[in-house]
Amino acid sequence: MTVNPLATPLSLPARPELTGGRPLGVLLLHGFSGSPASMKPWAHALAERGYAVEVPLLPGHGTAGRT
């Protein structure tokens, strides 16, 4: 199996100046048949508000099997 290039993990830094000086973080996990790509709109919206965001690629997900 190969990993789909769109399924790469995502890590965005905190911007405490936007959250009242607090370094806050959010962990987003994709669904059973998903990949980090499905969570990227949420991740970017949260990062724009100052939150650190982590979107890992769960083992065995985001891959292309044999046809």
N, C-alpha and C. Protein backbone atom coordinates (compact mmCIF):
# COMPACT_ATOMS: atom_id res chain seq x y z
N MET A 1 0.83 -1.18 0.00
CA MET A 1 0.00 0.00 0.00
C MET A 1 0.87 1.25 0.00
N THR A 2 0.40 2.27 -0.67
CA THR A 2 1.11 3.55 -0.68
C THR A 2 0.23 4.63 -0.05
N VAL A 3 0.88 5.60 0.56
CA VAL A 3 0.14 6.70 1.20
C VAL A 3 -0.23 7.72 0.15
N ASN A 4 -1.48 8.13 0.16
CA ASN A 4 -1.97 9.17 -0.74
C ASN A 4 -1.27 10.48 -0.38
N PRO A 5 -0.69 11.22 -1.34
CA PRO A 5 0.01 12.46 -1.02
C PRO A 5 -0.89 13.53 -0.38
N LEU A 6 -2.19 13.44 -0.59
CA LEU A 6 -3.12 14.40 0.04
C LEU A 6 -3.40 14.06 1.50
N ALA A 7 -2.92 12.91 1.96
CA ALA A 7 -3.22 12.43 3.31
C ALA A 7 -2.10 12.73 4.30
N THR A 8 -1.28 13.73 4.02
CA THR A 8 -0.17 14.03 4.91
C THR A 8 -0.66 14.67 6.21
N PRO A 9 0.02 14.38 7.33
CA PRO A 9 -0.34 15.00 8.60
C PRO A 9 -0.16 16.52 8.54
N LEU A 10 -0.80 17.21 9.46
CA LEU A 10 -0.75 18.67 9.49
C LEU A 10 -0.45 19.14 10.90
N SER A 11 0.43 20.11 11.04
CA SER A 11 0.78 20.68 12.33
C SER A 11 0.87 22.20 12.17
N LEU A 12 0.05 22.94 12.91
CA LEU A 12 0.05 24.39 12.83
C LEU A 12 0.35 24.97 14.21
N PRO A 13 1.21 25.99 14.30
CA PRO A 13 1.63 26.53 15.61
C PRO A 13 0.55 27.40 16.26
N ALA A 14 0.65 27.52 17.59
CA ALA A 14 -0.25 28.40 18.34
C ALA A 14 0.15 29.86 18.12
N ARG A 15 -0.83 30.73 18.24
CA ARG A 15 -0.60 32.17 18.20
C ARG A 15 -1.28 32.76 19.44
N PRO A 16 -0.58 32.69 20.60
CA PRO A 16 -1.19 33.12 21.87
C PRO A 16 -1.70 34.55 21.87
N GLU A 17 -1.17 35.41 21.01
CA GLU A 17 -1.66 36.80 20.96
C GLU A 17 -3.12 36.87 20.53
N LEU A 18 -3.63 35.81 19.90
CA LEU A 18 -5.03 35.77 19.48
C LEU A 18 -5.95 35.07 20.49
N THR A 19 -5.36 34.45 21.51
CA THR A 19 -6.17 33.69 22.48
C THR A 19 -5.97 34.23 23.90
N GLY A 20 -5.76 35.53 24.01
CA GLY A 20 -5.61 36.13 25.33
C GLY A 20 -4.32 35.73 26.03
N GLY A 21 -3.27 35.42 25.28
CA GLY A 21 -1.98 35.06 25.85
C GLY A 21 -1.84 33.60 26.23
N ARG A 22 -2.88 32.81 26.00
CA ARG A 22 -2.84 31.38 26.36
C ARG A 22 -2.45 30.54 25.15
N PRO A 23 -1.44 29.66 25.30
CA PRO A 23 -1.09 28.76 24.20
C PRO A 23 -2.02 27.54 24.21
N LEU A 24 -3.09 27.62 23.45
CA LEU A 24 -4.09 26.55 23.40
C LEU A 24 -3.90 25.67 22.18
N GLY A 25 -4.23 24.39 22.32
CA GLY A 25 -4.08 23.48 21.20
C GLY A 25 -5.29 22.59 21.02
N VAL A 26 -5.45 22.09 19.80
CA VAL A 26 -6.56 21.23 19.43
C VAL A 26 -6.01 20.04 18.65
N LEU A 27 -6.48 18.85 19.01
CA LEU A 27 -6.13 17.63 18.28
C LEU A 27 -7.35 17.22 17.47
N LEU A 28 -7.21 17.16 16.16
CA LEU A 28 -8.31 16.73 15.28
C LEU A 28 -7.99 15.34 14.74
N LEU A 29 -8.95 14.44 14.85
CA LEU A 29 -8.77 13.08 14.35
C LEU A 29 -9.82 12.79 13.28
N HIS A 30 -9.36 12.28 12.16
CA HIS A 30 -10.26 11.95 11.06
C HIS A 30 -11.03 10.67 11.35
N GLY A 31 -12.06 10.44 10.57
CA GLY A 31 -12.90 9.26 10.75
C GLY A 31 -12.25 7.97 10.26
N PHE A 32 -12.97 6.89 10.43
CA PHE A 32 -12.47 5.55 10.11
C PHE A 32 -11.97 5.42 8.68
N SER A 33 -12.72 5.95 7.73
CA SER A 33 -12.31 5.82 6.32
C SER A 33 -11.71 7.12 5.78
N GLY A 34 -11.33 8.03 6.67
CA GLY A 34 -10.83 9.33 6.25
C GLY A 34 -9.32 9.47 6.29
N SER A 35 -8.88 10.73 6.17
CA SER A 35 -7.47 11.08 6.22
C SER A 35 -7.39 12.52 6.73
N PRO A 36 -6.19 13.02 7.02
CA PRO A 36 -6.06 14.40 7.47
C PRO A 36 -6.65 15.42 6.48
N ALA A 37 -6.69 15.09 5.22
CA ALA A 37 -7.23 16.02 4.22
C ALA A 37 -8.67 16.43 4.55
N SER A 38 -9.45 15.53 5.13
CA SER A 38 -10.84 15.84 5.46
C SER A 38 -10.96 16.80 6.64
N MET A 39 -9.89 16.97 7.41
CA MET A 39 -9.92 17.83 8.58
C MET A 39 -9.23 19.18 8.35
N LYS A 40 -8.59 19.36 7.20
CA LYS A 40 -7.82 20.57 6.97
C LYS A 40 -8.64 21.86 7.02
N PRO A 41 -9.87 21.91 6.50
CA PRO A 41 -10.64 23.16 6.63
C PRO A 41 -10.88 23.53 8.11
N TRP A 42 -11.18 22.55 8.94
CA TRP A 42 -11.35 22.80 10.38
C TRP A 42 -10.03 23.27 10.98
N ALA A 43 -8.93 22.61 10.62
CA ALA A 43 -7.62 22.95 11.17
C ALA A 43 -7.24 24.39 10.85
N HIS A 44 -7.43 24.80 9.62
CA HIS A 44 -7.06 26.16 9.23
C HIS A 44 -7.97 27.19 9.89
N ALA A 45 -9.25 26.89 10.05
CA ALA A 45 -10.17 27.82 10.73
C ALA A 45 -9.76 28.00 12.19
N LEU A 46 -9.38 26.92 12.86
CA LEU A 46 -8.94 27.02 14.25
C LEU A 46 -7.60 27.75 14.36
N ALA A 47 -6.68 27.49 13.45
CA ALA A 47 -5.37 28.15 13.46
C ALA A 47 -5.52 29.66 13.25
N GLU A 48 -6.47 30.07 12.43
CA GLU A 48 -6.72 31.50 12.21
C GLU A 48 -7.18 32.19 13.49
N ARG A 49 -7.72 31.42 14.41
CA ARG A 49 -8.18 31.97 15.69
C ARG A 49 -7.12 31.84 16.79
N GLY A 50 -5.93 31.35 16.43
CA GLY A 50 -4.81 31.31 17.36
C GLY A 50 -4.50 29.97 17.98
N TYR A 51 -5.27 28.94 17.70
CA TYR A 51 -5.04 27.64 18.30
C TYR A 51 -3.93 26.87 17.58
N ALA A 52 -3.11 26.16 18.35
CA ALA A 52 -2.20 25.19 17.75
C ALA A 52 -3.05 24.00 17.32
N VAL A 53 -2.76 23.43 16.17
CA VAL A 53 -3.57 22.33 15.66
C VAL A 53 -2.67 21.18 15.20
N GLU A 54 -3.04 19.99 15.60
CA GLU A 54 -2.37 18.77 15.15
C GLU A 54 -3.40 17.86 14.49
N VAL A 55 -3.09 17.40 13.29
CA VAL A 55 -3.95 16.46 12.56
C VAL A 55 -3.06 15.31 12.10
N PRO A 56 -2.96 14.24 12.91
CA PRO A 56 -2.10 13.12 12.53
C PRO A 56 -2.75 12.21 11.49
N LEU A 57 -1.93 11.46 10.82
CA LEU A 57 -2.42 10.40 9.94
C LEU A 57 -2.45 9.13 10.76
N LEU A 58 -3.61 8.59 11.02
CA LEU A 58 -3.74 7.37 11.80
C LEU A 58 -3.19 6.17 11.03
N PRO A 59 -2.55 5.23 11.72
CA PRO A 59 -1.97 4.07 11.04
C PRO A 59 -3.00 3.32 10.19
N GLY A 60 -2.63 3.01 8.96
CA GLY A 60 -3.49 2.25 8.06
C GLY A 60 -4.52 3.09 7.32
N HIS A 61 -4.53 4.39 7.53
CA HIS A 61 -5.50 5.27 6.87
C HIS A 61 -4.78 6.10 5.80
N GLY A 62 -5.55 6.62 4.86
CA GLY A 62 -4.98 7.46 3.81
C GLY A 62 -4.09 6.71 2.84
N THR A 63 -4.33 5.42 2.71
CA THR A 63 -3.52 4.61 1.81
C THR A 63 -4.33 4.18 0.60
N ALA A 64 -3.62 3.78 -0.43
CA ALA A 64 -4.26 3.26 -1.63
C ALA A 64 -3.91 1.77 -1.70
N GLY A 65 -4.92 0.94 -1.64
CA GLY A 65 -4.70 -0.50 -1.71
C GLY A 65 -4.50 -0.96 -3.14
N ARG A 66 -4.34 -2.26 -3.30
CA ARG A 66 -4.19 -2.81 -4.65
C ARG A 66 -5.54 -2.87 -5.35
N THR A 67 -5.49 -2.67 -6.64
CA THR A 67 -6.75 -2.71 -7.42
C THR A 67 -6.88 -4.03 -8.12
